[in-house]
Amino acid sequence: MGQALKQKVRVIACGAIAREVLAICEANGLGHIDLHCLPAILHVSPDKIPGEVEREILEARKAGIENIFVAYADCGTGGLLDNVCDKYGVERIAGPHCYSFFSGDEAFAAQGDDAMRSFYLTDFLARQFTAFVVKPLGLDRYPQLRDSYFGHYEKLVYLVQEEDPELDQKAKEAAEFLGLEYERRLTGYGDLTQNLTGL
């Protein structure tokens, strides 16, 4: 007999990592993963993330799907997302935010104070810098606020998931816009790959 079919797993993910989740699934033959993404803009209002994830969990259960994985880190919810996951017996990816799991959670934690002085971009945020950073903070209308928001940072660190010279340039321009030193780190998909292939 051939290998048994893997049971379907509903992955509830942030829209900001949809490309990465799909790329990992394609590269590793993870056809049993059923991806449902929430809007990435929820990161502007992280207090809404737990309620939206809970709604998705209930929808999955209503559809008879018991195997559910939450592809969100804490993402600024202050532990409220963990409360939702615990309530329904659902696991989520470890770490405080996607910068951590892309870097590797242990490696990111080891950076200590350096991490606190760095502003991070992922591939998604390099693409969407204006929509997700500049406009929500009002920097397009009030550029004088830049130093109030970013004065305590020393550098912008671009965590690279996939090599793309166009995104490199966008990230450099973002660093210049914010008046920060630029640093580039190739992380790939970090802990996300292990989490998804282990489902």
Protein backbone atom coordinates (compact mmCIF):
# COMPACT_ATOMS: atom_id res chain seq x y z
CA MET A 1 0.00 0.00 0.00
CA GLY A 2 1.09 3.54 -0.71
CA GLN A 3 1.69 6.13 1.93
CA ALA A 4 -1.52 7.19 3.70
CA LEU A 5 -2.87 10.57 2.77
CA LYS A 6 -1.99 13.26 5.25
CA GLN A 7 -4.88 14.75 7.15
CA LYS A 8 -5.86 18.28 6.17
CA VAL A 9 -4.45 21.05 8.38
CA ARG A 10 -6.03 24.50 8.41
CA VAL A 11 -3.30 27.12 8.73
CA ILE A 12 -4.56 30.52 9.85
CA ALA A 13 -1.90 33.01 8.85
CA CYS A 14 -1.18 36.69 8.65
CA GLY A 15 -1.53 37.95 5.09
CA ALA A 16 1.96 39.45 5.41
CA ILE A 17 3.48 35.95 5.25
CA ALA A 18 1.14 34.41 2.67
CA ARG A 19 3.79 34.31 -0.07
CA GLU A 20 6.24 32.62 2.25
CA VAL A 21 3.74 30.01 3.45
CA LEU A 22 2.76 29.17 -0.13
CA ALA A 23 6.40 28.93 -1.22
CA ILE A 24 7.22 26.54 1.63
CA CYS A 25 4.15 24.42 0.84
CA GLU A 26 5.08 24.19 -2.84
CA ALA A 27 8.74 23.40 -2.17
CA ASN A 28 7.90 20.66 0.33
CA GLY A 29 4.80 19.09 -1.22
CA LEU A 30 2.53 20.21 1.61
CA GLY A 31 -0.71 19.81 -0.29
CA HIS A 32 -2.56 18.89 2.90
CA ILE A 33 -2.22 22.47 4.20
CA ASP A 34 -5.35 24.56 3.75
CA LEU A 35 -4.22 28.18 4.06
CA HIS A 36 -6.57 30.90 5.29
CA CYS A 37 -5.06 34.40 5.61
CA LEU A 38 -6.25 37.35 7.64
CA PRO A 39 -5.58 40.87 6.33
CA ALA A 40 -2.03 42.01 6.99
CA ILE A 41 -3.31 45.46 7.93
CA LEU A 42 -4.48 43.97 11.25
CA HIS A 43 -0.94 44.67 12.46
CA VAL A 44 -1.92 48.33 12.66
CA SER A 45 -4.55 47.24 15.24
CA PRO A 46 -3.05 44.16 16.95
CA ASP A 47 -5.85 44.14 19.54
CA LYS A 48 -8.13 42.85 16.75
CA ILE A 49 -5.91 39.86 15.86
CA PRO A 50 -7.09 37.50 18.66
CA GLY A 51 -10.78 37.99 17.84
CA GLU A 52 -10.21 37.43 14.12
CA VAL A 53 -8.14 34.30 14.76
CA GLU A 54 -10.85 32.99 17.08
CA ARG A 55 -13.45 33.57 14.36
CA GLU A 56 -11.31 31.59 11.90
CA ILE A 57 -10.86 28.75 14.39
CA LEU A 58 -14.62 28.52 14.89
CA GLU A 59 -15.19 28.54 11.12
CA ALA A 60 -12.71 25.69 10.71
CA ARG A 61 -14.34 23.66 13.48
CA LYS A 62 -17.76 24.31 11.93
CA ALA A 63 -16.39 22.87 8.69
CA GLY A 64 -15.24 19.77 10.57
CA ILE A 65 -11.53 20.64 10.55
CA GLU A 66 -9.88 19.74 13.85
CA ASN A 67 -6.21 20.14 12.91
CA ILE A 68 -5.52 23.87 13.06
CA PHE A 69 -2.24 25.79 13.27
CA VAL A 70 -1.94 29.54 13.81
CA ALA A 71 0.87 31.07 11.76
CA TYR A 72 1.09 34.20 13.88
CA ALA A 73 3.61 35.07 16.53
CA ASP A 74 2.30 37.15 19.45
CA CYS A 75 2.41 40.17 17.08
CA GLY A 76 1.71 42.79 19.72
CA THR A 77 -1.36 41.12 21.24
CA GLY A 78 0.20 41.04 24.70
CA GLY A 79 -0.57 37.37 25.26
CA LEU A 80 -4.22 37.62 24.17
CA LEU A 81 -3.58 35.49 21.10
CA ASP A 82 -2.14 32.78 23.36
CA ASN A 83 -5.34 32.91 25.42
CA VAL A 84 -7.37 32.18 22.27
CA CYS A 85 -5.05 29.35 21.21
CA ASP A 86 -5.15 27.82 24.68
CA LYS A 87 -8.95 28.06 24.78
CA TYR A 88 -9.28 25.92 21.65
CA GLY A 89 -6.20 23.71 22.08
CA VAL A 90 -4.51 25.17 19.01
CA GLU A 91 -0.76 25.74 18.55
CA ARG A 92 0.82 28.86 17.13
CA ILE A 93 4.32 29.59 15.89
CA ALA A 94 6.63 30.56 18.74
CA GLY A 95 8.03 34.03 19.19
CA PRO A 96 7.03 37.63 19.76
CA HIS A 97 6.77 38.62 16.07
CA CYS A 98 7.63 37.50 12.54
CA TYR A 99 11.07 39.17 12.72
CA SER A 100 11.89 36.65 15.41
CA PHE A 101 10.68 33.51 13.64
CA PHE A 102 12.23 34.56 10.32
CA SER A 103 15.56 35.12 12.11
CA GLY A 104 15.14 31.95 14.16
CA ASP A 105 13.55 32.57 17.54
CA GLU A 106 16.61 31.58 19.59
CA ALA A 107 19.00 33.58 17.41
CA PHE A 108 16.76 36.64 17.60
CA ALA A 109 16.48 36.43 21.40
CA ALA A 110 20.28 36.23 21.64
CA GLN A 111 20.65 39.67 20.00
CA GLY A 112 19.59 41.39 23.23
CA ASP A 113 19.90 45.18 23.18
CA ASP A 114 20.87 45.24 19.51
CA ALA A 115 17.36 44.07 18.60
CA MET A 116 15.84 46.87 20.69
CA ARG A 117 17.76 49.50 18.71
CA SER A 118 16.80 48.07 15.30
CA PHE A 119 13.73 48.68 13.15
CA TYR A 120 12.95 45.60 11.04
CA LEU A 121 11.60 45.05 7.57
CA THR A 122 10.64 41.75 5.96
CA ASP A 123 10.12 41.22 2.22
CA PHE A 124 6.46 42.12 2.71
CA LEU A 125 7.22 45.34 4.58
CA ALA A 126 9.89 46.33 2.06
CA ARG A 127 7.21 46.04 -0.64
CA GLN A 128 4.54 47.75 1.43
CA PHE A 129 6.61 50.30 3.37
CA THR A 130 4.47 53.27 2.38
CA ALA A 131 1.15 51.53 3.04
CA PHE A 132 2.15 49.86 6.33
CA VAL A 133 4.61 52.33 7.88
CA VAL A 134 4.55 55.76 6.28
CA LYS A 135 0.80 56.32 5.92
CA PRO A 136 -0.42 54.73 9.19
CA LEU A 137 2.09 56.86 11.12
CA GLY A 138 1.16 59.98 9.15
CA LEU A 139 4.74 60.52 7.96
CA ASP A 140 3.49 61.41 4.49
CA ARG A 141 1.58 64.34 6.00
CA TYR A 142 3.76 65.18 8.99
CA PRO A 143 7.37 64.24 8.16
CA GLN A 144 8.56 66.11 11.26
CA LEU A 145 7.19 63.21 13.34
CA ARG A 146 9.89 60.90 11.99
CA ASP A 147 12.35 61.49 14.81
CA SER A 148 9.63 61.17 17.45
CA TYR A 149 8.82 57.68 16.16
CA PHE A 150 12.28 56.49 15.08
CA GLY A 151 14.78 58.61 17.02
CA HIS A 152 15.58 55.76 19.45
CA TYR A 153 16.48 53.37 16.61
CA GLU A 154 20.02 53.18 15.26
CA LYS A 155 19.50 51.07 12.16
CA LEU A 156 16.97 49.51 9.83
CA VAL A 157 17.54 45.78 9.46
CA TYR A 158 16.11 44.18 6.33
CA LEU A 159 15.44 40.46 6.95
CA VAL A 160 15.53 38.92 3.48
CA GLN A 161 13.31 35.95 2.75
CA GLU A 162 14.00 35.75 -0.99
CA GLU A 163 16.77 37.43 -2.97
CA ASP A 164 15.33 40.36 -4.94
CA PRO A 165 17.47 43.38 -5.95
CA GLU A 166 14.34 45.53 -6.31
CA LEU A 167 13.36 44.87 -2.70
CA ASP A 168 16.94 45.53 -1.57
CA GLN A 169 16.67 48.95 -3.15
CA LYS A 170 13.29 49.62 -1.55
CA ALA A 171 14.67 48.66 1.85
CA LYS A 172 17.68 50.98 1.41
CA GLU A 173 15.32 53.81 0.47
CA ALA A 174 13.23 53.09 3.57
CA ALA A 175 16.35 53.33 5.76
CA GLU A 176 17.28 56.62 4.13
CA PHE A 177 13.74 57.94 4.59
CA LEU A 178 13.88 57.10 8.30
CA GLY A 179 17.43 58.43 8.72
CA LEU A 180 18.75 55.04 9.87
CA GLU A 181 21.84 52.99 9.11
CA TYR A 182 21.03 50.11 6.73
CA GLU A 183 21.76 46.46 7.42
CA ARG A 184 20.73 43.47 5.32
CA ARG A 185 20.43 39.91 6.69
CA LEU A 186 19.50 36.89 4.58
CA THR A 187 17.25 34.75 6.81
CA GLY A 188 15.20 32.75 4.34
CA TYR A 189 12.02 31.45 5.98
CA GLY A 190 13.59 30.74 9.35
CA ASP A 191 11.51 28.75 11.83
CA LEU A 192 8.44 28.99 9.60
CA THR A 193 9.69 26.14 7.40
CA GLN A 194 10.16 23.74 10.31
CA ASN A 195 6.79 24.65 11.78
CA LEU A 196 4.90 24.01 8.53
CA THR A 197 6.74 20.86 7.46
CA GLY A 198 6.15 19.42 10.94
CA LEU A 199 2.35 19.70 10.66
